[in-house]
Amino acid sequence: EPTPPPGSGRFNVATDALSTVLHESGHARTPFATLLVQHQTRARLPPALRMEVEAQVSGYATTSPAEMVAEVYAGYLRGERFSDRIMQAYHAYGGPPL
């Protein structure tokens, strides 16, 4: 069985083929303009949100808003549920409809 990333009590949700496909489809379903702006501005999660995302989603989800969206999308489609604050950030960062 895989181990959680250091400093996180949670697994990266993309630990199997289906989760990886769901994660990547989360990127594909996010509007390109949103991803481009996030990339060009090197957008980062605010520190307080980053801590909550690491605790509830995954360490990898803290690396950028785009990765947070993809990880939440994959986790949600696998049956995980997240706090209102994380879901608000998901939608604010352009997450696709769930």
N, C-alpha and C. Protein backbone atom coordinates (compact mmCIF):
# COMPACT_ATOMS: atom_id res chain seq x y z
N GLU A 1 0.85 -1.19 0.00
CA GLU A 1 0.00 0.00 0.00
C GLU A 1 0.89 1.24 0.00
N PRO A 2 0.54 2.26 -0.84
CA PRO A 2 1.36 3.47 -0.89
C PRO A 2 1.30 4.24 0.42
N THR A 3 2.28 5.08 0.64
CA THR A 3 2.32 5.89 1.84
C THR A 3 1.99 7.34 1.49
N PRO A 4 1.41 8.08 2.44
CA PRO A 4 1.11 9.49 2.18
C PRO A 4 2.38 10.29 1.95
N PRO A 5 2.28 11.42 1.23
CA PRO A 5 3.46 12.27 1.06
C PRO A 5 3.94 12.80 2.41
N PRO A 6 5.25 13.08 2.54
CA PRO A 6 5.76 13.61 3.80
C PRO A 6 4.99 14.87 4.22
N GLY A 7 4.69 14.96 5.49
CA GLY A 7 4.00 16.13 6.01
C GLY A 7 2.51 16.14 5.76
N SER A 8 1.99 15.08 5.17
CA SER A 8 0.56 15.05 4.87
C SER A 8 -0.01 13.73 5.35
N GLY A 9 -1.16 13.79 5.95
CA GLY A 9 -1.82 12.57 6.37
C GLY A 9 -2.68 11.98 5.26
N ARG A 10 -2.63 12.58 4.08
CA ARG A 10 -3.50 12.15 2.99
C ARG A 10 -2.68 11.71 1.79
N PHE A 11 -3.28 10.84 1.01
CA PHE A 11 -2.68 10.42 -0.24
C PHE A 11 -2.99 11.46 -1.31
N ASN A 12 -2.12 11.55 -2.29
CA ASN A 12 -2.45 12.26 -3.51
C ASN A 12 -3.59 11.44 -4.12
N VAL A 13 -4.71 12.07 -4.50
CA VAL A 13 -5.84 11.28 -4.97
C VAL A 13 -5.51 10.51 -6.24
N ALA A 14 -4.48 10.90 -6.96
CA ALA A 14 -4.11 10.20 -8.19
C ALA A 14 -3.15 9.05 -7.88
N THR A 15 -3.63 8.05 -7.14
CA THR A 15 -2.79 6.91 -6.77
C THR A 15 -3.09 5.67 -7.60
N ASP A 16 -4.05 5.77 -8.52
CA ASP A 16 -4.35 4.64 -9.39
C ASP A 16 -4.73 5.19 -10.76
N ALA A 17 -4.88 4.31 -11.73
CA ALA A 17 -5.13 4.75 -13.11
C ALA A 17 -6.42 5.58 -13.23
N LEU A 18 -7.50 5.15 -12.60
CA LEU A 18 -8.75 5.89 -12.71
C LEU A 18 -8.60 7.28 -12.11
N SER A 19 -7.98 7.39 -10.96
CA SER A 19 -7.78 8.70 -10.34
C SER A 19 -6.93 9.61 -11.22
N THR A 20 -5.92 9.03 -11.86
CA THR A 20 -5.07 9.82 -12.76
C THR A 20 -5.89 10.34 -13.94
N VAL A 21 -6.72 9.48 -14.52
CA VAL A 21 -7.58 9.91 -15.64
C VAL A 21 -8.53 11.01 -15.18
N LEU A 22 -9.13 10.85 -14.00
CA LEU A 22 -10.04 11.87 -13.48
C LEU A 22 -9.30 13.18 -13.22
N HIS A 23 -8.10 13.09 -12.66
CA HIS A 23 -7.28 14.28 -12.41
C HIS A 23 -7.01 15.02 -13.72
N GLU A 24 -6.55 14.30 -14.71
CA GLU A 24 -6.22 14.93 -15.99
C GLU A 24 -7.47 15.46 -16.69
N SER A 25 -8.60 14.78 -16.52
CA SER A 25 -9.84 15.31 -17.12
C SER A 25 -10.27 16.58 -16.41
N GLY A 26 -9.92 16.72 -15.12
CA GLY A 26 -10.17 17.97 -14.41
C GLY A 26 -9.42 19.13 -15.05
N HIS A 27 -8.15 18.87 -15.45
CA HIS A 27 -7.40 19.89 -16.18
C HIS A 27 -8.08 20.19 -17.52
N ALA A 28 -8.45 19.13 -18.23
CA ALA A 28 -9.03 19.29 -19.56
C ALA A 28 -10.35 20.04 -19.53
N ARG A 29 -11.12 19.89 -18.47
CA ARG A 29 -12.43 20.54 -18.37
C ARG A 29 -12.35 21.95 -17.79
N THR A 30 -11.18 22.36 -17.31
CA THR A 30 -10.99 23.72 -16.81
C THR A 30 -10.75 24.62 -18.01
N PRO A 31 -11.44 25.76 -18.10
CA PRO A 31 -11.25 26.65 -19.25
C PRO A 31 -9.77 27.00 -19.47
N PHE A 32 -9.33 26.91 -20.72
CA PHE A 32 -7.94 27.15 -21.05
C PHE A 32 -7.49 28.54 -20.61
N ALA A 33 -8.33 29.54 -20.78
CA ALA A 33 -7.96 30.91 -20.39
C ALA A 33 -7.66 30.98 -18.90
N THR A 34 -8.41 30.25 -18.09
CA THR A 34 -8.18 30.23 -16.65
C THR A 34 -6.81 29.62 -16.34
N LEU A 35 -6.51 28.48 -16.97
CA LEU A 35 -5.21 27.83 -16.76
C LEU A 35 -4.07 28.73 -17.22
N LEU A 36 -4.26 29.41 -18.34
CA LEU A 36 -3.21 30.28 -18.88
C LEU A 36 -2.91 31.43 -17.92
N VAL A 37 -3.94 32.08 -17.40
CA VAL A 37 -3.73 33.18 -16.45
C VAL A 37 -3.03 32.67 -15.20
N GLN A 38 -3.46 31.52 -14.68
CA GLN A 38 -2.83 30.97 -13.48
C GLN A 38 -1.35 30.68 -13.75
N HIS A 39 -1.05 30.15 -14.91
CA HIS A 39 0.34 29.82 -15.24
C HIS A 39 1.16 31.10 -15.41
N GLN A 40 0.63 32.07 -16.15
CA GLN A 40 1.37 33.30 -16.42
C GLN A 40 1.62 34.11 -15.15
N THR A 41 0.69 34.09 -14.22
CA THR A 41 0.85 34.86 -12.99
C THR A 41 1.52 34.05 -11.88
N ARG A 42 1.82 32.78 -12.17
CA ARG A 42 2.41 31.89 -11.16
C ARG A 42 1.56 31.90 -9.89
N ALA A 43 0.26 31.78 -10.11
CA ALA A 43 -0.70 31.84 -9.01
C ALA A 43 -0.37 30.79 -7.94
N ARG A 44 -0.55 31.17 -6.70
CA ARG A 44 -0.33 30.29 -5.55
C ARG A 44 -1.54 30.36 -4.64
N LEU A 45 -1.74 29.32 -3.89
CA LEU A 45 -2.80 29.32 -2.90
C LEU A 45 -2.38 30.17 -1.71
N PRO A 46 -3.30 30.92 -1.10
CA PRO A 46 -2.97 31.64 0.13
C PRO A 46 -2.53 30.65 1.22
N PRO A 47 -1.60 31.06 2.09
CA PRO A 47 -1.07 30.13 3.10
C PRO A 47 -2.13 29.40 3.94
N ALA A 48 -3.15 30.10 4.42
CA ALA A 48 -4.17 29.44 5.25
C ALA A 48 -4.95 28.41 4.44
N LEU A 49 -5.27 28.73 3.20
CA LEU A 49 -5.97 27.79 2.34
C LEU A 49 -5.06 26.61 2.00
N ARG A 50 -3.79 26.89 1.78
CA ARG A 50 -2.83 25.83 1.45
C ARG A 50 -2.81 24.77 2.55
N MET A 51 -2.83 25.21 3.81
CA MET A 51 -2.82 24.26 4.92
C MET A 51 -4.08 23.40 4.91
N GLU A 52 -5.22 24.01 4.66
CA GLU A 52 -6.48 23.27 4.64
C GLU A 52 -6.53 22.29 3.47
N VAL A 53 -6.02 22.73 2.31
CA VAL A 53 -5.98 21.85 1.14
C VAL A 53 -5.07 20.66 1.39
N GLU A 54 -3.93 20.89 2.01
CA GLU A 54 -3.02 19.78 2.30
C GLU A 54 -3.68 18.78 3.24
N ALA A 55 -4.41 19.27 4.22
CA ALA A 55 -5.06 18.39 5.19
C ALA A 55 -6.23 17.61 4.59
N GLN A 56 -6.97 18.23 3.69
CA GLN A 56 -8.19 17.59 3.18
C GLN A 56 -8.05 16.96 1.80
N VAL A 57 -7.17 17.50 0.97
CA VAL A 57 -7.10 17.04 -0.42
C VAL A 57 -5.81 16.25 -0.62
N SER A 58 -4.68 16.94 -0.77
CA SER A 58 -3.38 16.27 -0.91
C SER A 58 -2.28 17.31 -0.87
N GLY A 59 -1.07 16.87 -0.62
CA GLY A 59 0.07 17.76 -0.67
C GLY A 59 0.27 18.31 -2.07
N TYR A 60 0.07 17.47 -3.07
CA TYR A 60 0.24 17.90 -4.46
C TYR A 60 -0.72 19.01 -4.83
N ALA A 61 -1.92 18.99 -4.26
CA ALA A 61 -2.93 20.01 -4.56
C ALA A 61 -2.49 21.40 -4.10
N THR A 62 -1.50 21.48 -3.23
CA THR A 62 -1.05 22.79 -2.74
C THR A 62 -0.07 23.46 -3.69
N THR A 63 0.37 22.78 -4.73
CA THR A 63 1.42 23.34 -5.60
C THR A 63 0.93 24.46 -6.50
N SER A 64 -0.36 24.48 -6.83
CA SER A 64 -0.91 25.56 -7.65
C SER A 64 -2.44 25.46 -7.65
N PRO A 65 -3.11 26.55 -7.99
CA PRO A 65 -4.58 26.47 -8.09
C PRO A 65 -5.03 25.44 -9.12
N ALA A 66 -4.31 25.32 -10.23
CA ALA A 66 -4.69 24.34 -11.25
C ALA A 66 -4.62 22.92 -10.71
N GLU A 67 -3.59 22.61 -9.93
CA GLU A 67 -3.48 21.26 -9.36
C GLU A 67 -4.50 21.05 -8.26
N MET A 68 -4.82 22.11 -7.50
CA MET A 68 -5.87 21.98 -6.50
C MET A 68 -7.20 21.64 -7.18
N VAL A 69 -7.52 22.35 -8.26
CA VAL A 69 -8.76 22.09 -8.98
C VAL A 69 -8.79 20.65 -9.49
N ALA A 70 -7.72 20.21 -10.12
CA ALA A 70 -7.69 18.85 -10.67
C ALA A 70 -7.80 17.79 -9.57
N GLU A 71 -7.13 18.01 -8.44
CA GLU A 71 -7.18 17.05 -7.34
C GLU A 71 -8.57 17.02 -6.69
N VAL A 72 -9.18 18.19 -6.49
CA VAL A 72 -10.53 18.23 -5.92
C VAL A 72 -11.51 17.57 -6.89
N TYR A 73 -11.39 17.87 -8.16
CA TYR A 73 -12.26 17.27 -9.18
C TYR A 73 -12.17 15.75 -9.13
N ALA A 74 -10.95 15.23 -9.16
CA ALA A 74 -10.77 13.77 -9.12
C ALA A 74 -11.30 13.17 -7.83
N GLY A 75 -10.98 13.80 -6.71
CA GLY A 75 -11.45 13.29 -5.42
C GLY A 75 -12.97 13.32 -5.33
N TYR A 76 -13.57 14.40 -5.78
CA TYR A 76 -15.03 14.53 -5.72
C TYR A 76 -15.70 13.43 -6.54
N LEU A 77 -15.17 13.19 -7.75
CA LEU A 77 -15.75 12.13 -8.59
C LEU A 77 -15.52 10.74 -8.02
N ARG A 78 -14.54 10.61 -7.12
CA ARG A 78 -14.30 9.33 -6.44
C ARG A 78 -15.07 9.23 -5.13
N GLY A 79 -15.90 10.24 -4.82
CA GLY A 79 -16.75 10.16 -3.64
C GLY A 79 -16.28 10.95 -2.44
N GLU A 80 -15.12 11.61 -2.54
CA GLU A 80 -14.65 12.43 -1.42
C GLU A 80 -15.43 13.73 -1.38
N ARG A 81 -15.58 14.29 -0.19
CA ARG A 81 -16.23 15.58 -0.02
C ARG A 81 -15.31 16.48 0.77
N PHE A 82 -15.35 17.77 0.44
CA PHE A 82 -14.42 18.73 1.01
C PHE A 82 -15.18 19.87 1.67
N SER A 83 -14.47 20.64 2.48
CA SER A 83 -15.09 21.75 3.21
C SER A 83 -15.65 22.79 2.25
N ASP A 84 -16.57 23.60 2.77
CA ASP A 84 -17.14 24.68 1.97
C ASP A 84 -16.05 25.62 1.47
N ARG A 85 -15.08 25.90 2.31
CA ARG A 85 -14.00 26.81 1.91
C ARG A 85 -13.22 26.27 0.72
N ILE A 86 -12.91 24.99 0.74
CA ILE A 86 -12.19 24.39 -0.38
C ILE A 86 -13.06 24.41 -1.63
N MET A 87 -14.34 24.11 -1.48
CA MET A 87 -15.22 24.11 -2.64
C MET A 87 -15.40 25.53 -3.20
N GLN A 88 -15.44 26.53 -2.33
CA GLN A 88 -15.51 27.92 -2.81
C GLN A 88 -14.25 28.27 -3.60
N ALA A 89 -13.09 27.86 -3.11
CA ALA A 89 -11.84 28.11 -3.82
C ALA A 89 -11.83 27.35 -5.15
N TYR A 90 -12.32 26.12 -5.14
CA TYR A 90 -12.41 25.31 -6.37
C TYR A 90 -13.17 26.08 -7.44
N HIS A 91 -14.32 26.61 -7.09
CA HIS A 91 -15.13 27.36 -8.06
C HIS A 91 -14.47 28.69 -8.42
N ALA A 92 -13.87 29.38 -7.45
CA ALA A 92 -13.20 30.65 -7.72
C ALA A 92 -12.02 30.48 -8.67
N TYR A 93 -11.34 29.32 -8.59
CA TYR A 93 -10.20 29.05 -9.47
C TYR A 93 -10.63 28.42 -10.79
N GLY A 94 -11.93 28.43 -11.08
CA GLY A 94 -12.41 27.99 -12.38
C GLY A 94 -12.65 26.51 -12.52
N GLY A 95 -12.86 25.81 -11.39
CA GLY A 95 -13.13 24.38 -11.45
C GLY A 95 -14.35 24.06 -12.29
N PRO A 96 -14.30 22.97 -13.05
CA PRO A 96 -15.44 22.59 -13.89
C PRO A 96 -16.64 22.15 -13.04
N PRO A 97 -17.83 22.21 -13.62
CA PRO A 97 -19.02 21.77 -12.87
C PRO A 97 -18.87 20.33 -12.39
N LEU A 98 -19.39 20.09 -11.20
CA LEU A 98 -19.33 18.73 -10.62
C LEU A 98 -20.70 18.08 -10.72
